[in-house]
Amino acid sequence: MQGVSDSRGDTARRVKELQKQVDDLKELVNTLLAVICEEPDGASSGAAPGYQGQPSSNYCM
């Protein structure tokens, strides 16, 4: 019986480690998506270059 309880403890510990890794990765993915989705062309802040004779929206770097 001792072996069974040890393996359950190891399994529970491993599950906790994996859950922490999943949570960390979810946070990283959400951060990366936020960075990617935020104003990629700088049009709202005026950081995007202007093109002569073209509309000032609907283009991206």
C-alpha atoms as a PDB file:
ATOM      1  CA  MET A   1       0.000   0.000   0.000  1.00  0.00           C
ATOM      2  CA  GLN A   2       2.918   2.362   0.612  1.00  0.00           C
ATOM      3  CA  GLY A   3       3.873   2.301  -3.082  1.00  0.00           C
ATOM      4  CA  VAL A   4       0.366   3.248  -4.164  1.00  0.00           C
ATOM      5  CA  SER A   5       0.211   6.286  -1.874  1.00  0.00           C
ATOM      6  CA  ASP A   6       3.703   7.386  -2.975  1.00  0.00           C
ATOM      7  CA  SER A   7       2.745   7.185  -6.637  1.00  0.00           C
ATOM      8  CA  ARG A   8      -0.455   9.139  -5.953  1.00  0.00           C
ATOM      9  CA  GLY A   9       1.582  11.808  -4.188  1.00  0.00           C
ATOM     10  CA  ASP A  10       4.028  11.959  -7.075  1.00  0.00           C
ATOM     11  CA  THR A  11       1.149  12.160  -9.539  1.00  0.00           C
ATOM     12  CA  ALA A  12      -0.537  14.949  -7.582  1.00  0.00           C
ATOM     13  CA  ARG A  13       2.748  16.869  -7.373  1.00  0.00           C
ATOM     14  CA  ARG A  14       3.328  16.436 -11.117  1.00  0.00           C
ATOM     15  CA  VAL A  15      -0.215  17.580 -11.905  1.00  0.00           C
ATOM     16  CA  LYS A  16       0.355  20.732  -9.824  1.00  0.00           C
ATOM     17  CA  GLU A  17       3.614  21.433 -11.694  1.00  0.00           C
ATOM     18  CA  LEU A  18       1.927  20.963 -15.048  1.00  0.00           C
ATOM     19  CA  GLN A  19      -1.000  23.180 -14.034  1.00  0.00           C
ATOM     20  CA  LYS A  20       1.427  25.939 -13.046  1.00  0.00           C
ATOM     21  CA  GLN A  21       3.181  25.625 -16.409  1.00  0.00           C
ATOM     22  CA  VAL A  22      -0.151  25.784 -18.232  1.00  0.00           C
ATOM     23  CA  ASP A  23      -1.145  28.893 -16.265  1.00  0.00           C
ATOM     24  CA  ASP A  24       2.205  30.541 -17.030  1.00  0.00           C
ATOM     25  CA  LEU A  25       1.873  29.719 -20.729  1.00  0.00           C
ATOM     26  CA  LYS A  26      -1.683  31.054 -20.841  1.00  0.00           C
ATOM     27  CA  GLU A  27      -0.494  34.317 -19.326  1.00  0.00           C
ATOM     28  CA  LEU A  28       2.346  34.516 -21.859  1.00  0.00           C
ATOM     29  CA  VAL A  29       0.022  33.823 -24.797  1.00  0.00           C
ATOM     30  CA  ASN A  30      -2.446  36.461 -23.603  1.00  0.00           C
ATOM     31  CA  THR A  31       0.374  38.985 -23.246  1.00  0.00           C
ATOM     32  CA  LEU A  32       1.706  38.208 -26.715  1.00  0.00           C
ATOM     33  CA  LEU A  33      -1.758  38.464 -28.252  1.00  0.00           C
ATOM     34  CA  ALA A  34      -2.293  41.815 -26.565  1.00  0.00           C
ATOM     35  CA  VAL A  35       1.011  43.100 -27.941  1.00  0.00           C
ATOM     36  CA  ILE A  36       0.269  41.796 -31.436  1.00  0.00           C
ATOM     37  CA  CYS A  37      -3.274  43.175 -31.516  1.00  0.00           C
ATOM     38  CA  GLU A  38      -2.492  46.631 -30.143  1.00  0.00           C
ATOM     39  CA  GLU A  39      -2.165  49.214 -32.883  1.00  0.00           C
ATOM     40  CA  PRO A  40       0.371  47.413 -35.103  1.00  0.00           C
ATOM     41  CA  ASP A  41       0.611  50.271 -37.593  1.00  0.00           C
ATOM     42  CA  GLY A  42       0.804  53.198 -35.172  1.00  0.00           C
ATOM     43  CA  ALA A  43      -1.972  54.997 -37.045  1.00  0.00           C
ATOM     44  CA  SER A  44      -3.787  56.156 -33.912  1.00  0.00           C
ATOM     45  CA  SER A  45      -0.686  57.551 -32.251  1.00  0.00           C
ATOM     46  CA  GLY A  46       0.648  59.188 -35.404  1.00  0.00           C
ATOM     47  CA  ALA A  47       3.741  56.978 -35.420  1.00  0.00           C
ATOM     48  CA  ALA A  48       2.869  55.427 -38.775  1.00  0.00           C
ATOM     49  CA  PRO A  49       4.411  57.031 -41.848  1.00  0.00           C
ATOM     50  CA  GLY A  50       2.059  58.859 -44.173  1.00  0.00           C
ATOM     51  CA  TYR A  51       1.881  57.995 -47.858  1.00  0.00           C
ATOM     52  CA  GLN A  52       1.231  60.813 -50.308  1.00  0.00           C
ATOM     53  CA  GLY A  53      -1.992  60.480 -52.256  1.00  0.00           C
ATOM     54  CA  GLN A  54      -3.309  57.546 -50.204  1.00  0.00           C
ATOM     55  CA  PRO A  55      -5.935  57.406 -47.457  1.00  0.00           C
ATOM     56  CA  SER A  56      -4.560  57.651 -43.938  1.00  0.00           C
ATOM     57  CA  SER A  57      -6.261  54.469 -42.745  1.00  0.00           C
ATOM     58  CA  ASN A  58      -6.593  50.789 -43.630  1.00  0.00           C
ATOM     59  CA  TYR A  59      -2.920  50.112 -44.118  1.00  0.00           C
ATOM     60  CA  CYS A  60      -0.440  48.444 -41.884  1.00  0.00           C
ATOM     61  CA  MET A  61       3.320  48.157 -41.654  1.00  0.00           C
END
